[in-house]
């Protein structure tokens, strides 16, 4: 599989990420500073966003539209991330018991 097809591949600069998600670059920086988003950084410090990052920005935007503040969104995203990790762990556990 090529890097372009991997959801974690850091492909998009901040202006492209902003255009693709509808969030302006300042908001992307704010999401990062609040711990909501963690784009890859090049050796020169340039932010690079993956498809997964773009999906996360879109989720942030939906939650903002629903009336949550950034602290509330962080709590929701942390719980979602934990649920995904636990589902993966459970699947692994079930696979070993078969």
N, C-alpha and C. Protein backbone atom coordinates (compact mmCIF):
# COMPACT_ATOMS: atom_id res chain seq x y z
N UNK A 1 0.85 -1.18 0.00
CA UNK A 1 0.00 0.00 0.00
C UNK A 1 0.89 1.24 0.00
N UNK A 2 0.55 2.20 -0.83
CA UNK A 2 1.36 3.41 -0.88
C UNK A 2 0.96 4.36 0.24
N UNK A 3 1.86 5.28 0.58
CA UNK A 3 1.59 6.25 1.65
C UNK A 3 0.32 7.05 1.39
N UNK A 4 0.04 7.34 0.12
CA UNK A 4 -1.12 8.15 -0.22
C UNK A 4 -2.42 7.46 0.18
N UNK A 5 -2.41 6.15 0.35
CA UNK A 5 -3.62 5.42 0.70
C UNK A 5 -3.75 5.14 2.19
N UNK A 6 -2.73 5.44 2.95
CA UNK A 6 -2.76 5.19 4.39
C UNK A 6 -3.45 6.34 5.11
N UNK A 7 -4.43 6.04 6.00
CA UNK A 7 -5.15 7.12 6.67
C UNK A 7 -4.29 7.93 7.64
N UNK A 8 -3.15 7.38 8.06
CA UNK A 8 -2.27 8.11 8.97
C UNK A 8 -1.13 8.83 8.25
N UNK A 9 -1.06 8.71 6.93
CA UNK A 9 0.01 9.36 6.17
C UNK A 9 -0.18 10.87 6.20
N UNK A 10 0.85 11.60 6.63
CA UNK A 10 0.81 13.06 6.74
C UNK A 10 1.02 13.68 5.37
N UNK A 11 -0.07 14.05 4.72
CA UNK A 11 -0.01 14.49 3.33
C UNK A 11 -0.34 15.96 3.09
N UNK A 12 -1.14 16.56 3.97
CA UNK A 12 -1.72 17.86 3.68
C UNK A 12 -1.13 18.97 4.53
N UNK A 13 -0.76 20.09 3.90
CA UNK A 13 -0.30 21.23 4.69
C UNK A 13 -1.51 21.93 5.30
N UNK A 14 -1.28 22.90 6.15
CA UNK A 14 -2.37 23.52 6.91
C UNK A 14 -3.39 24.22 6.02
N UNK A 15 -2.95 24.85 4.94
CA UNK A 15 -3.92 25.54 4.09
C UNK A 15 -4.81 24.55 3.35
N UNK A 16 -4.27 23.43 2.93
CA UNK A 16 -5.08 22.40 2.26
C UNK A 16 -6.02 21.76 3.28
N UNK A 17 -5.52 21.47 4.48
CA UNK A 17 -6.36 20.90 5.53
C UNK A 17 -7.52 21.84 5.85
N UNK A 18 -7.24 23.13 5.92
CA UNK A 18 -8.29 24.11 6.19
C UNK A 18 -9.33 24.11 5.08
N UNK A 19 -8.87 24.08 3.85
CA UNK A 19 -9.79 24.09 2.72
C UNK A 19 -10.66 22.83 2.69
N UNK A 20 -10.05 21.68 2.99
CA UNK A 20 -10.79 20.41 2.94
C UNK A 20 -11.77 20.24 4.08
N UNK A 21 -11.53 20.90 5.21
CA UNK A 21 -12.40 20.72 6.38
C UNK A 21 -13.33 21.89 6.65
N UNK A 22 -13.02 23.05 6.09
CA UNK A 22 -13.82 24.23 6.36
C UNK A 22 -13.40 24.98 7.62
N UNK A 23 -12.38 24.46 8.30
CA UNK A 23 -11.84 25.14 9.50
C UNK A 23 -10.67 26.00 9.06
N UNK A 24 -10.59 27.22 9.55
CA UNK A 24 -9.49 28.07 9.11
C UNK A 24 -8.18 27.67 9.81
N UNK A 25 -7.04 28.05 9.25
CA UNK A 25 -5.75 27.66 9.82
C UNK A 25 -5.58 28.06 11.29
N UNK A 26 -6.12 29.22 11.67
CA UNK A 26 -6.01 29.63 13.07
C UNK A 26 -6.74 28.66 13.98
N UNK A 27 -7.88 28.16 13.55
CA UNK A 27 -8.63 27.19 14.35
C UNK A 27 -7.88 25.87 14.43
N UNK A 28 -7.26 25.45 13.34
CA UNK A 28 -6.47 24.21 13.37
C UNK A 28 -5.33 24.34 14.38
N UNK A 29 -4.70 25.50 14.42
CA UNK A 29 -3.64 25.73 15.40
C UNK A 29 -4.20 25.71 16.82
N UNK A 30 -5.39 26.30 17.01
CA UNK A 30 -6.03 26.31 18.33
C UNK A 30 -6.39 24.90 18.77
N UNK A 31 -6.90 24.09 17.85
CA UNK A 31 -7.25 22.70 18.19
C UNK A 31 -6.00 21.95 18.62
N UNK A 32 -4.90 22.21 17.95
CA UNK A 32 -3.65 21.55 18.33
C UNK A 32 -3.20 22.03 19.71
N UNK A 33 -3.28 23.33 19.96
CA UNK A 33 -2.81 23.85 21.25
C UNK A 33 -3.66 23.35 22.41
N UNK A 34 -4.92 23.02 22.16
CA UNK A 34 -5.82 22.49 23.19
C UNK A 34 -5.73 20.97 23.32
N UNK A 35 -4.88 20.34 22.50
CA UNK A 35 -4.71 18.90 22.59
C UNK A 35 -5.77 18.09 21.86
N UNK A 36 -6.53 18.74 20.99
CA UNK A 36 -7.57 18.05 20.24
C UNK A 36 -7.04 17.39 18.98
N UNK A 37 -5.90 17.83 18.54
CA UNK A 37 -5.36 17.42 17.25
C UNK A 37 -3.85 17.37 17.36
N UNK A 38 -3.24 16.40 16.72
CA UNK A 38 -1.79 16.29 16.78
C UNK A 38 -1.19 15.97 15.42
N UNK A 39 -1.17 16.98 14.53
CA UNK A 39 -0.61 16.73 13.20
C UNK A 39 0.88 16.40 13.28
N UNK A 40 1.32 15.70 12.27
CA UNK A 40 2.75 15.40 12.14
C UNK A 40 3.50 16.71 11.90
N UNK A 41 4.73 16.78 12.35
CA UNK A 41 5.58 17.95 12.07
C UNK A 41 6.78 17.48 11.25
N UNK A 42 7.09 18.22 10.20
CA UNK A 42 8.27 17.92 9.41
C UNK A 42 9.50 18.34 10.21
N UNK A 43 10.67 18.00 9.72
CA UNK A 43 11.90 18.40 10.41
C UNK A 43 12.02 19.91 10.50
N UNK A 44 11.38 20.63 9.60
CA UNK A 44 11.38 22.09 9.63
C UNK A 44 10.26 22.68 10.46
N UNK A 45 9.42 21.82 11.05
CA UNK A 45 8.34 22.29 11.91
C UNK A 45 7.01 22.52 11.23
N UNK A 46 6.92 22.24 9.93
CA UNK A 46 5.67 22.43 9.21
C UNK A 46 4.66 21.36 9.60
N UNK A 47 3.43 21.78 9.84
CA UNK A 47 2.36 20.83 10.16
C UNK A 47 1.96 20.08 8.90
N UNK A 48 1.74 18.78 9.06
CA UNK A 48 1.24 17.94 7.97
C UNK A 48 0.10 17.12 8.53
N UNK A 49 -1.04 17.16 7.86
CA UNK A 49 -2.26 16.50 8.33
C UNK A 49 -2.54 15.25 7.51
N UNK A 50 -3.03 14.24 8.20
CA UNK A 50 -3.41 12.98 7.55
C UNK A 50 -4.92 12.98 7.31
N UNK A 51 -5.39 11.98 6.59
CA UNK A 51 -6.83 11.81 6.39
C UNK A 51 -7.51 11.61 7.75
N UNK A 52 -6.89 10.87 8.65
CA UNK A 52 -7.46 10.71 10.00
C UNK A 52 -7.55 12.05 10.72
N UNK A 53 -6.54 12.89 10.57
CA UNK A 53 -6.58 14.23 11.18
C UNK A 53 -7.76 15.04 10.62
N UNK A 54 -7.95 14.97 9.32
CA UNK A 54 -9.05 15.71 8.69
C UNK A 54 -10.40 15.22 9.21
N UNK A 55 -10.54 13.90 9.36
CA UNK A 55 -11.77 13.35 9.92
C UNK A 55 -12.01 13.86 11.34
N UNK A 56 -10.94 13.94 12.11
CA UNK A 56 -11.04 14.43 13.49
C UNK A 56 -11.45 15.90 13.50
N UNK A 57 -10.91 16.71 12.61
CA UNK A 57 -11.30 18.12 12.51
C UNK A 57 -12.79 18.22 12.18
N UNK A 58 -13.25 17.38 11.28
CA UNK A 58 -14.67 17.40 10.92
C UNK A 58 -15.55 17.04 12.13
N UNK A 59 -15.10 16.07 12.94
CA UNK A 59 -15.84 15.71 14.16
C UNK A 59 -15.85 16.89 15.13
N UNK A 60 -14.72 17.57 15.25
CA UNK A 60 -14.64 18.75 16.12
C UNK A 60 -15.65 19.80 15.65
N UNK A 61 -15.71 20.04 14.36
CA UNK A 61 -16.64 21.04 13.82
C UNK A 61 -18.09 20.66 14.10
N UNK A 62 -18.43 19.38 13.97
CA UNK A 62 -19.79 18.92 14.27
C UNK A 62 -20.12 19.15 15.74
N UNK A 63 -19.18 18.83 16.61
CA UNK A 63 -19.40 19.02 18.05
C UNK A 63 -19.50 20.50 18.42
N UNK A 64 -18.73 21.34 17.75
CA UNK A 64 -18.85 22.79 17.97
C UNK A 64 -20.23 23.28 17.56
N UNK A 65 -20.70 22.80 16.42
CA UNK A 65 -22.03 23.19 15.94
C UNK A 65 -23.13 22.70 16.89
N UNK A 66 -22.87 21.59 17.60
CA UNK A 66 -23.84 21.06 18.57
C UNK A 66 -23.82 21.84 19.88
N UNK A 67 -22.86 22.77 20.02
CA UNK A 67 -22.85 23.64 21.18
C UNK A 67 -21.79 23.31 22.22
N UNK A 68 -20.94 22.32 21.98
CA UNK A 68 -19.89 21.99 22.95
C UNK A 68 -18.76 23.00 22.84
N UNK A 69 -18.11 23.27 23.97
CA UNK A 69 -16.90 24.10 23.95
C UNK A 69 -15.70 23.18 23.73
N UNK A 70 -14.51 23.75 23.60
CA UNK A 70 -13.33 22.93 23.28
C UNK A 70 -12.99 21.94 24.39
N UNK A 71 -13.22 22.32 25.65
CA UNK A 71 -12.96 21.38 26.76
C UNK A 71 -13.92 20.19 26.68
N UNK A 72 -15.17 20.45 26.38
CA UNK A 72 -16.15 19.38 26.23
C UNK A 72 -15.82 18.48 25.05
N UNK A 73 -15.38 19.10 23.97
CA UNK A 73 -15.01 18.33 22.78
C UNK A 73 -13.82 17.44 23.09
N UNK A 74 -12.85 17.96 23.84
CA UNK A 74 -11.68 17.14 24.22
C UNK A 74 -12.14 15.91 25.01
N UNK A 75 -13.07 16.10 25.94
CA UNK A 75 -13.57 14.97 26.73
C UNK A 75 -14.26 13.95 25.84
N UNK A 76 -15.09 14.41 24.91
CA UNK A 76 -15.79 13.49 23.99
C UNK A 76 -14.79 12.73 23.13
N UNK A 77 -13.83 13.45 22.55
CA UNK A 77 -12.85 12.79 21.68
C UNK A 77 -11.98 11.81 22.46
N UNK A 78 -11.60 12.17 23.68
CA UNK A 78 -10.81 11.24 24.51
C UNK A 78 -11.60 9.97 24.79
N UNK A 79 -12.89 10.11 25.09
CA UNK A 79 -13.73 8.93 25.34
C UNK A 79 -13.90 8.09 24.08
N UNK A 80 -14.06 8.74 22.94
CA UNK A 80 -14.17 8.02 21.67
C UNK A 80 -12.88 7.25 21.38
N UNK A 81 -11.74 7.90 21.60
CA UNK A 81 -10.45 7.25 21.36
C UNK A 81 -10.28 6.04 22.29
N UNK A 82 -10.69 6.20 23.55
CA UNK A 82 -10.59 5.11 24.52
C UNK A 82 -11.50 3.95 24.12
N UNK A 83 -12.70 4.25 23.64
CA UNK A 83 -13.63 3.21 23.20
C UNK A 83 -13.05 2.43 22.03
N UNK A 84 -12.43 3.11 21.08
CA UNK A 84 -11.81 2.44 19.93
C UNK A 84 -10.69 1.52 20.40
N UNK A 85 -9.86 2.02 21.32
CA UNK A 85 -8.74 1.21 21.84
C UNK A 85 -9.27 -0.02 22.58
N UNK A 86 -10.32 0.16 23.37
CA UNK A 86 -10.89 -0.97 24.11
C UNK A 86 -11.52 -2.00 23.17
N UNK A 87 -12.18 -1.54 22.11
CA UNK A 87 -12.75 -2.47 21.13
C UNK A 87 -11.65 -3.29 20.47
N UNK A 88 -10.55 -2.63 20.15
CA UNK A 88 -9.42 -3.32 19.53
C UNK A 88 -8.83 -4.35 20.49
N UNK A 89 -8.68 -3.95 21.74
CA UNK A 89 -8.16 -4.86 22.76
C UNK A 89 -9.09 -6.07 22.94
N UNK A 90 -10.38 -5.83 22.96
CA UNK A 90 -11.36 -6.90 23.11
C UNK A 90 -11.32 -7.85 21.92
N UNK A 91 -11.20 -7.29 20.73
CA UNK A 91 -11.12 -8.13 19.52
C UNK A 91 -9.87 -9.01 19.58
N UNK A 92 -8.76 -8.44 20.02
CA UNK A 92 -7.52 -9.21 20.15
C UNK A 92 -7.70 -10.31 21.17
N UNK A 93 -8.30 -9.98 22.29
CA UNK A 93 -8.54 -10.96 23.36
C UNK A 93 -9.43 -12.08 22.86
N UNK A 94 -10.50 -11.74 22.16
CA UNK A 94 -11.41 -12.76 21.62
C UNK A 94 -10.72 -13.62 20.59
N UNK A 95 -9.84 -13.01 19.81
CA UNK A 95 -9.10 -13.77 18.79
C UNK A 95 -8.16 -14.79 19.40
N UNK A 96 -7.59 -14.48 20.55
CA UNK A 96 -6.68 -15.41 21.22
C UNK A 96 -7.43 -16.54 21.93
N UNK A 97 -8.71 -16.34 22.21
CA UNK A 97 -9.48 -17.35 22.92
C UNK A 97 -10.11 -18.34 21.97
N UNK A 98 -10.12 -18.08 20.68
CA UNK A 98 -10.78 -18.96 19.70
C UNK A 98 -10.03 -20.25 19.54
